Amino acid sequence: MIKTLLRYGSISMMLAGTTAGLAGAASADASIGVTGPDSRNVITMSSDNRTDLRNFNDVGVGNFNNQSAVSGSVTAGGNTELGGGPGVGAGWGSWDPVSCRQTMGFGQWWSGVNGSMSRYSQGWTGGNSTWMPTGAGWQNTWMNWDPMMWRQNGASYAQWLGQITPYMNAHYNDWMNGWGNSVGGSVMSGAATNSNSTGTGVTIGGRGAADMIMPLASGGNGDASIAVTGPGSTNVIAENSGSSFRSTNVNEVGVTNSNDQSARSGNVDVSRNTVVGGGVSSGAASNSNSTGTEVNVSNPAVTGVATGGSGTNGSASIDTTGPGSTNRISENNRTSFTSTNVNEVAVTNSNNQTARSGNVDVSRNTVVSGDISSGDARNSNGTSTGVGIN
């Protein structure tokens, strides 16, 4: 009986490379030597380097501004006294009813002029002349009743007062009925103003492990050899080396700036007055908006990547094998590089402004003087948007 010695030798090695440097780590050397007849000798060496770098950035910024400004309405109608008037000690001409009708109500004027008449008694002593102005209808000229003129012409205070009092009482009803209501000075509604300022900055920096990527080549395997095997042996050396790098960046940035403003000044109603003096206007309505948006996206830098080929395996040899041996050496080198950048940036600036000045209604008045106008309506908007992708 013939004994057949069958030996099976197999070495399998796998070393994974590090991600910090994507150069494949070489497998160690392997060898099979001096085996008997009919041996089956196999050396398998595998090196696989893989790096998967992914960045997902999803940023949403929303700025919403809703403003409303409304000033109140102004109604000036059916008033007895509106506006200022001369002081009690003012000159006689400042109390002329013709001019005072434009600045004050009748009650205010009547009280003021009588107070002034009383004050003239202070320091007015002496005088016994019967002097008075001459000419037909002299009483109807207001300045003919100037007490200083009467005093300088020798009349006494009692004489002047005794003449002007009946005149004032005789015309009281005429003045009151013809005076009506008076509006003096300025009548206006307040201003309505909105102001908004928005600043938005978004920065995405993707510096990380990818900056350390070394040239992309598989490290290759070490040396492998099969030598001095017996007749009829099957000798196989299979070497596989591979490097794979995949970089995926997905940046989604959404910025929304929405500004909704409304400004409305109040209405002004001046009606049913006898005399309207001074300016009549509604207030100004204004809106102002300023928006600044800046978006910067920096994707990871993949530096020093070479895709021209993978590193070579070590030497492989089968030597000195017996008759009838089957010998095979197989080498496979693979290099794969994939980089994907997806940048989606959406910036929306929405500005809605409404400015309306109030209505001015001046009606059913006898005398109207001064400027009459509605206020200004103004809108102002400034938008600045900057997007940078590196």
Protein backbone atom coordinates (compact mmCIF):
# COMPACT_ATOMS: atom_id res chain seq x y z
CA MET A 1 0.00 0.00 0.00
CA ILE A 2 1.31 3.36 -0.99
CA LYS A 3 0.60 6.19 1.39
CA THR A 4 -0.12 9.63 -0.15
CA LEU A 5 0.80 12.59 1.89
CA LEU A 6 -1.62 15.51 1.31
CA ARG A 7 -0.83 18.80 2.83
CA TYR A 8 -3.05 21.87 2.62
CA GLY A 9 -1.44 25.21 3.32
CA SER A 10 -3.54 28.38 3.41
CA ILE A 11 -2.74 31.85 4.63
CA SER A 12 -5.39 34.59 4.48
CA MET A 13 -4.56 38.11 5.60
CA MET A 14 -6.71 41.29 5.64
CA LEU A 15 -5.47 44.60 6.97
CA ALA A 16 -7.72 47.64 6.82
CA GLY A 17 -6.13 51.05 6.25
CA THR A 18 -6.76 54.01 8.53
CA THR A 19 -9.07 56.77 7.52
CA ALA A 20 -6.70 59.54 8.52
CA GLY A 21 -4.43 58.71 5.58
CA LEU A 22 -6.08 56.86 2.75
CA ALA A 23 -3.00 54.98 1.64
CA GLY A 24 -3.67 51.28 1.84
CA ALA A 25 -1.84 49.47 4.60
CA ALA A 26 0.30 46.77 3.09
CA SER A 27 -0.25 43.19 4.09
CA ALA A 28 2.66 41.36 5.63
CA ASP A 29 4.89 39.06 3.61
CA ALA A 30 3.69 35.45 3.19
CA SER A 31 5.43 32.35 1.91
CA ILE A 32 4.93 28.61 1.60
CA GLY A 33 7.99 26.45 1.05
CA VAL A 34 9.05 22.81 0.78
CA THR A 35 5.74 20.96 0.69
CA GLY A 36 5.18 17.35 -0.27
CA PRO A 37 3.79 15.85 -3.47
CA ASP A 38 0.18 16.52 -4.45
CA SER A 39 0.01 19.46 -2.02
CA ARG A 40 -2.56 22.20 -2.52
CA ASN A 41 -0.89 25.49 -1.62
CA VAL A 42 -2.89 28.70 -1.46
CA ILE A 43 -1.85 32.20 -0.42
CA THR A 44 -4.65 34.82 -0.34
CA MET A 45 -3.77 38.39 0.54
CA SER A 46 -6.38 41.14 0.71
CA SER A 47 -6.06 44.82 1.52
CA ASP A 48 -9.12 47.07 1.52
CA ASN A 49 -9.14 50.76 2.49
CA ARG A 50 -12.43 52.62 2.71
CA THR A 51 -13.27 56.13 3.83
CA ASP A 52 -16.79 57.52 3.88
CA LEU A 53 -17.09 61.19 4.78
CA ARG A 54 -20.56 62.72 4.90
CA ASN A 55 -21.68 66.19 5.88
CA PHE A 56 -25.36 67.06 6.18
CA ASN A 57 -26.25 70.65 6.99
CA ASP A 58 -29.83 71.78 7.16
CA VAL A 59 -30.26 75.36 8.32
CA GLY A 60 -33.51 77.27 8.34
CA VAL A 61 -33.74 80.90 9.40
CA GLY A 62 -37.00 82.83 9.45
CA ASN A 63 -37.36 86.49 10.33
CA PHE A 64 -40.93 87.72 10.49
CA ASN A 65 -41.80 91.30 11.28
CA ASN A 66 -45.36 92.55 11.49
CA GLN A 67 -45.86 96.17 12.46
CA SER A 68 -48.85 98.44 12.54
CA ALA A 69 -48.97 102.12 13.46
CA VAL A 70 -52.20 104.09 13.55
CA SER A 71 -52.54 107.64 14.79
CA GLY A 72 -55.83 108.88 16.15
CA SER A 73 -58.41 110.88 14.29
CA VAL A 74 -58.95 114.58 15.04
CA THR A 75 -62.35 116.27 14.98
CA ALA A 76 -62.62 120.02 15.42
CA GLY A 77 -66.22 121.08 15.09
CA GLY A 78 -68.83 122.95 17.10
CA ASN A 79 -66.19 124.52 19.31
CA THR A 80 -66.51 127.79 21.19
CA GLU A 81 -62.84 128.47 21.71
CA LEU A 82 -59.88 126.96 19.95
CA GLY A 83 -56.50 128.59 19.72
CA GLY A 84 -54.69 131.24 21.75
CA GLY A 85 -55.17 134.99 21.97
CA PRO A 86 -53.50 138.16 23.26
CA GLY A 87 -52.89 138.59 26.96
CA VAL A 88 -54.97 140.87 29.14
CA GLY A 89 -52.26 143.51 29.09
CA ALA A 90 -51.75 143.43 25.33
CA GLY A 91 -52.16 146.57 23.21
CA TRP A 92 -55.64 147.73 22.32
CA GLY A 93 -55.20 146.88 18.65
CA SER A 94 -54.59 143.21 19.46
CA TRP A 95 -58.19 142.98 20.71
CA ASP A 96 -59.73 144.12 17.43
CA PRO A 97 -62.75 141.79 17.00
CA VAL A 98 -62.18 141.52 13.25
CA SER A 99 -58.76 139.92 13.69
CA CYS A 100 -59.59 138.03 16.89
CA ARG A 101 -62.40 136.17 15.14
CA GLN A 102 -59.68 134.27 13.23
CA THR A 103 -57.81 133.09 16.30
CA MET A 104 -60.26 132.58 19.18
CA GLY A 105 -63.84 132.08 20.17
CA PHE A 106 -66.18 134.89 21.09
CA GLY A 107 -66.35 134.02 24.79
CA GLN A 108 -62.60 134.08 25.09
CA TRP A 109 -62.40 137.42 23.31
CA TRP A 110 -65.20 139.06 25.35
CA SER A 111 -63.65 138.01 28.63
CA GLY A 112 -60.20 139.11 27.53
CA VAL A 113 -61.14 142.52 26.23
CA ASN A 114 -63.17 143.36 29.34
CA GLY A 115 -60.29 142.33 31.54
CA SER A 116 -58.02 144.58 29.54
CA MET A 117 -60.48 147.49 29.90
CA SER A 118 -60.37 147.13 33.69
CA ARG A 119 -56.58 147.10 33.77
CA TYR A 120 -56.40 150.47 32.03
CA SER A 121 -57.82 152.08 35.16
CA GLN A 122 -54.52 151.45 36.92
CA GLY A 123 -52.45 154.62 36.88
CA TRP A 124 -54.99 156.60 34.85
CA THR A 125 -55.65 159.59 37.08
CA GLY A 126 -56.80 163.08 36.41
CA GLY A 127 -58.21 164.32 33.18
CA ASN A 128 -61.30 166.48 32.90
CA SER A 129 -61.45 167.14 29.17
CA THR A 130 -64.50 166.29 27.15
CA TRP A 131 -62.33 165.20 24.23
CA MET A 132 -63.47 162.39 21.95
CA PRO A 133 -62.79 161.43 18.33
CA THR A 134 -64.70 163.27 15.65
CA GLY A 135 -66.19 162.35 12.34
CA ALA A 136 -69.28 160.52 11.31
CA GLY A 137 -69.34 156.92 12.48
CA TRP A 138 -66.08 157.21 14.37
CA GLN A 139 -67.35 154.64 16.88
CA ASN A 140 -67.17 151.85 14.30
CA THR A 141 -63.39 152.09 14.04
CA TRP A 142 -61.86 149.97 16.78
CA MET A 143 -58.70 152.04 17.18
CA ASN A 144 -60.76 155.15 17.89
CA TRP A 145 -61.46 153.51 21.26
CA ASP A 146 -57.76 153.17 22.07
CA PRO A 147 -57.62 154.22 25.79
CA MET A 148 -54.05 155.50 25.45
CA MET A 149 -55.17 157.97 22.80
CA TRP A 150 -58.02 159.19 24.99
CA ARG A 151 -55.70 159.59 27.97
CA GLN A 152 -53.15 161.56 25.98
CA ASN A 153 -55.88 163.94 24.88
CA GLY A 154 -56.88 164.73 28.48
CA ALA A 155 -59.91 162.48 28.89
CA SER A 156 -60.38 160.73 32.18
CA TYR A 157 -60.73 156.96 32.60
CA ALA A 158 -64.34 157.42 33.74
CA GLN A 159 -65.13 159.45 30.63
CA TRP A 160 -63.58 156.82 28.32
CA LEU A 161 -65.28 153.95 30.14
CA GLY A 162 -68.63 155.76 30.09
CA GLN A 163 -68.45 156.02 26.29
CA ILE A 164 -67.09 152.56 25.41
CA THR A 165 -69.30 150.54 27.74
CA PRO A 166 -72.59 151.40 25.97
CA TYR A 167 -70.87 150.80 22.65
CA MET A 168 -69.65 147.34 23.69
CA ASN A 169 -73.05 146.36 25.12
CA ALA A 170 -74.86 147.59 22.03
CA HIS A 171 -72.76 145.39 19.77
CA TYR A 172 -72.61 142.34 22.03
CA ASN A 173 -75.34 140.38 20.27
CA ASP A 174 -74.10 141.29 16.81
CA TRP A 175 -70.61 140.16 17.62
CA MET A 176 -71.71 136.95 19.32
CA ASN A 177 -74.12 135.91 16.56
CA GLY A 178 -71.68 136.70 13.82
CA TRP A 179 -68.71 135.27 15.61
CA GLY A 180 -69.79 131.62 15.69
CA ASN A 181 -67.06 129.11 16.41
CA SER A 182 -63.44 129.65 15.65
CA VAL A 183 -60.51 127.34 15.15
CA GLY A 184 -57.09 128.89 15.58
CA GLY A 185 -53.63 127.47 15.34
CA SER A 186 -52.72 124.19 13.70
CA VAL A 187 -54.95 121.14 13.72
CA MET A 188 -53.35 117.87 12.70
CA SER A 189 -53.33 114.21 13.53
CA GLY A 190 -50.16 112.57 14.77
CA ALA A 191 -47.59 110.87 12.58
CA ALA A 192 -47.61 107.08 12.18
CA THR A 193 -44.17 105.56 11.68
CA ASN A 194 -42.79 102.03 11.41
CA SER A 195 -39.12 101.13 11.22
CA ASN A 196 -37.51 97.71 10.94
CA SER A 197 -33.95 96.49 10.50
CA THR A 198 -33.04 92.82 10.07
CA GLY A 199 -29.59 91.28 9.70
CA THR A 200 -29.04 87.57 9.08
CA GLY A 201 -25.76 85.73 8.64
CA VAL A 202 -25.36 81.98 8.01
CA THR A 203 -21.92 80.36 7.74
CA ILE A 204 -21.33 76.64 7.23
CA GLY A 205 -17.71 75.48 7.39
CA GLY A 206 -16.97 71.90 6.40
CA ARG A 207 -13.33 71.46 7.36
CA GLY A 208 -12.62 68.13 8.98
CA ALA A 209 -11.11 64.76 8.32
CA ALA A 210 -11.17 65.23 4.57
CA ASP A 211 -8.39 67.82 4.82
CA MET A 212 -6.05 65.01 5.84
CA ILE A 213 -6.73 62.76 2.86
CA MET A 214 -3.46 61.40 1.48
CA PRO A 215 -2.98 60.38 -2.15
CA LEU A 216 -5.63 57.81 -2.92
CA ALA A 217 -3.72 54.69 -3.74
CA SER A 218 -4.12 51.26 -2.34
CA GLY A 219 -1.17 50.27 -0.29
CA GLY A 220 -0.72 46.93 -1.99
CA ASN A 221 0.07 43.66 -0.40
CA GLY A 222 3.42 42.36 0.77
CA ASP A 223 5.55 39.83 -1.04
CA ALA A 224 4.12 36.36 -1.52
CA SER A 225 5.95 33.27 -2.73
CA ILE A 226 5.46 29.53 -3.06
CA ALA A 227 8.63 27.49 -3.66
CA VAL A 228 9.84 23.93 -3.81
CA THR A 229 6.59 22.04 -3.95
CA GLY A 230 6.08 18.42 -4.87
CA PRO A 231 4.87 16.97 -8.17
CA GLY A 232 1.16 17.38 -8.99
CA SER A 233 0.79 20.33 -6.62
CA THR A 234 -1.77 23.06 -7.07
CA ASN A 235 -0.21 26.40 -6.25
CA VAL A 236 -2.31 29.56 -6.13
CA ILE A 237 -1.39 33.12 -5.13
CA ALA A 238 -4.30 35.58 -5.14
CA GLU A 239 -3.70 39.18 -4.18
CA ASN A 240 -6.46 41.79 -3.95
CA SER A 241 -5.97 45.40 -2.94
CA GLY A 242 -8.60 48.12 -3.00
CA SER A 243 -9.07 51.73 -1.92
CA SER A 244 -12.42 53.46 -1.77
CA PHE A 245 -13.16 57.08 -0.87
CA ARG A 246 -16.58 58.64 -0.88
CA SER A 247 -17.33 62.22 0.13
CA THR A 248 -20.91 63.46 0.30
CA ASN A 249 -21.84 67.01 1.23
CA VAL A 250 -25.47 68.07 1.41
CA ASN A 251 -26.03 71.69 2.38
CA GLU A 252 -29.57 72.96 2.58
CA VAL A 253 -29.94 76.56 3.70
CA GLY A 254 -33.25 78.36 3.74
CA VAL A 255 -33.52 82.00 4.80
CA THR A 256 -36.85 83.80 4.85
CA ASN A 257 -37.20 87.46 5.73
CA SER A 258 -40.77 88.63 5.84
CA ASN A 259 -41.70 92.21 6.67
CA ASP A 260 -45.29 93.38 6.83
CA GLN A 261 -45.85 96.99 7.82
CA SER A 262 -48.87 99.22 7.90
CA ALA A 263 -48.90 102.90 8.86
CA ARG A 264 -52.01 105.01 8.87
CA SER A 265 -52.36 108.52 10.18
CA GLY A 266 -55.67 109.68 11.57
CA ASN A 267 -58.37 111.59 9.74
CA VAL A 268 -58.90 115.28 10.43
CA ASP A 269 -62.41 116.72 10.39
CA VAL A 270 -62.78 120.47 10.72
CA SER A 271 -66.36 121.49 10.13
CA ARG A 272 -69.14 123.80 11.28
CA ASN A 273 -66.75 126.51 12.42
CA THR A 274 -66.99 130.15 11.53
CA VAL A 275 -63.28 130.89 11.25
CA VAL A 276 -60.52 128.36 10.72
CA GLY A 277 -57.02 129.76 11.07
CA GLY A 278 -53.64 128.09 10.94
CA GLY A 279 -52.68 124.87 9.24
CA VAL A 280 -54.98 121.88 9.00
CA SER A 281 -53.35 118.60 8.02
CA SER A 282 -53.22 114.93 8.78
CA GLY A 283 -50.00 113.44 10.09
CA ALA A 284 -47.40 111.72 7.96
CA ALA A 285 -47.47 107.94 7.56
CA SER A 286 -44.12 106.29 6.88
CA ASN A 287 -42.61 102.83 6.78
CA SER A 288 -38.93 101.95 6.69
CA ASN A 289 -37.34 98.53 6.34
CA SER A 290 -33.76 97.37 5.92
CA THR A 291 -32.82 93.73 5.42
CA GLY A 292 -29.35 92.23 5.06
CA THR A 293 -28.75 88.53 4.43
CA GLU A 294 -25.42 86.79 3.92
CA VAL A 295 -24.99 83.04 3.41
CA ASN A 296 -21.56 81.38 3.12
CA VAL A 297 -21.22 77.64 2.54
CA SER A 298 -17.79 75.96 2.52
CA ASN A 299 -17.65 72.31 1.57
CA PRO A 300 -14.83 70.09 2.87
CA ALA A 301 -11.63 70.35 0.89
CA VAL A 302 -10.41 67.04 -0.53
CA THR A 303 -6.70 67.66 -0.90
CA GLY A 304 -3.98 65.67 -2.55
CA VAL A 305 -6.22 62.98 -4.01
CA ALA A 306 -4.66 61.06 -6.88
CA THR A 307 -6.89 58.76 -8.88
CA GLY A 308 -4.39 57.69 -11.52
CA GLY A 309 -3.90 54.23 -10.15
CA SER A 310 -3.60 52.16 -7.08
CA GLY A 311 -0.44 51.15 -5.39
CA THR A 312 1.11 47.89 -6.59
CA ASN A 313 1.10 44.68 -4.67
CA GLY A 314 4.36 43.17 -3.54
CA SER A 315 6.17 40.63 -5.68
CA ALA A 316 4.48 37.26 -6.11
CA SER A 317 6.36 34.20 -7.21
CA ILE A 318 5.91 30.46 -7.56
CA ASP A 319 9.19 28.68 -8.03
CA THR A 320 10.57 25.18 -8.28
CA THR A 321 7.41 23.17 -8.43
CA GLY A 322 7.16 19.53 -9.28
CA PRO A 323 6.01 17.95 -12.57
CA GLY A 324 2.26 18.21 -13.33
CA SER A 325 1.80 21.17 -10.96
CA THR A 326 -0.90 23.73 -11.50
CA ASN A 327 0.40 27.23 -10.79
CA ARG A 328 -1.63 30.44 -10.81
CA ILE A 329 -0.92 34.03 -9.70
CA SER A 330 -3.81 36.49 -9.65
CA GLU A 331 -3.53 40.19 -8.76
CA ASN A 332 -6.41 42.65 -8.58
CA ASN A 333 -5.94 46.35 -7.78
CA ARG A 334 -8.97 48.62 -7.39
CA THR A 335 -9.20 52.35 -6.73
CA SER A 336 -12.52 54.16 -6.33
CA PHE A 337 -13.11 57.89 -5.67
CA THR A 338 -16.54 59.53 -5.45
CA SER A 339 -17.20 63.12 -4.40
CA THR A 340 -20.73 64.54 -4.32
CA ASN A 341 -21.64 68.09 -3.35
CA VAL A 342 -25.26 69.14 -3.18
CA ASN A 343 -25.84 72.79 -2.27
CA GLU A 344 -29.36 74.09 -1.99
CA VAL A 345 -29.67 77.71 -0.93
CA ALA A 346 -33.02 79.45 -0.90
CA VAL A 347 -33.30 83.08 0.18
CA THR A 348 -36.68 84.76 0.23
CA ASN A 349 -37.09 88.43 1.07
CA SER A 350 -40.70 89.51 1.31
CA ASN A 351 -41.61 93.11 2.03
CA ASN A 352 -45.17 94.31 2.21
CA GLN A 353 -45.69 97.92 3.19
CA THR A 354 -48.76 100.08 3.30
CA ALA A 355 -48.70 103.77 4.19
CA ARG A 356 -51.84 105.85 4.16
CA SER A 357 -52.16 109.38 5.37
CA GLY A 358 -55.45 110.48 6.88
CA ASN A 359 -58.26 112.26 5.11
CA VAL A 360 -58.78 115.96 5.78
CA ASP A 361 -62.35 117.21 5.77
CA VAL A 362 -62.76 120.96 6.03
CA SER A 363 -66.38 121.83 5.38
CA ARG A 364 -69.19 124.13 6.42
CA ASN A 365 -66.81 126.78 7.71
CA THR A 366 -67.25 130.50 7.05
CA VAL A 367 -63.62 131.61 6.89
CA VAL A 368 -60.71 129.23 6.27
CA SER A 369 -57.10 130.42 6.30
CA GLY A 370 -53.76 128.68 6.43
CA ASP A 371 -52.56 125.58 4.67
CA ILE A 372 -54.80 122.55 4.33
CA SER A 373 -53.17 119.29 3.32
CA SER A 374 -53.01 115.61 4.02
CA GLY A 375 -49.80 114.19 5.42
CA ASP A 376 -47.11 112.48 3.41
CA ALA A 377 -47.26 108.71 2.85
CA ARG A 378 -43.84 107.16 2.48
CA ASN A 379 -42.44 103.67 2.11
CA SER A 380 -38.76 102.82 2.18
CA ASN A 381 -37.13 99.42 1.78
CA GLY A 382 -33.53 98.30 1.43
CA THR A 383 -32.55 94.69 0.78
CA SER A 384 -29.08 93.20 0.46
CA THR A 385 -28.49 89.48 -0.16
CA GLY A 386 -25.13 87.74 -0.56
CA VAL A 387 -24.59 84.01 -1.15
CA GLY A 388 -21.14 82.42 -1.34
CA ILE A 389 -20.45 78.72 -1.93
CA ASN A 390 -16.90 77.41 -1.79
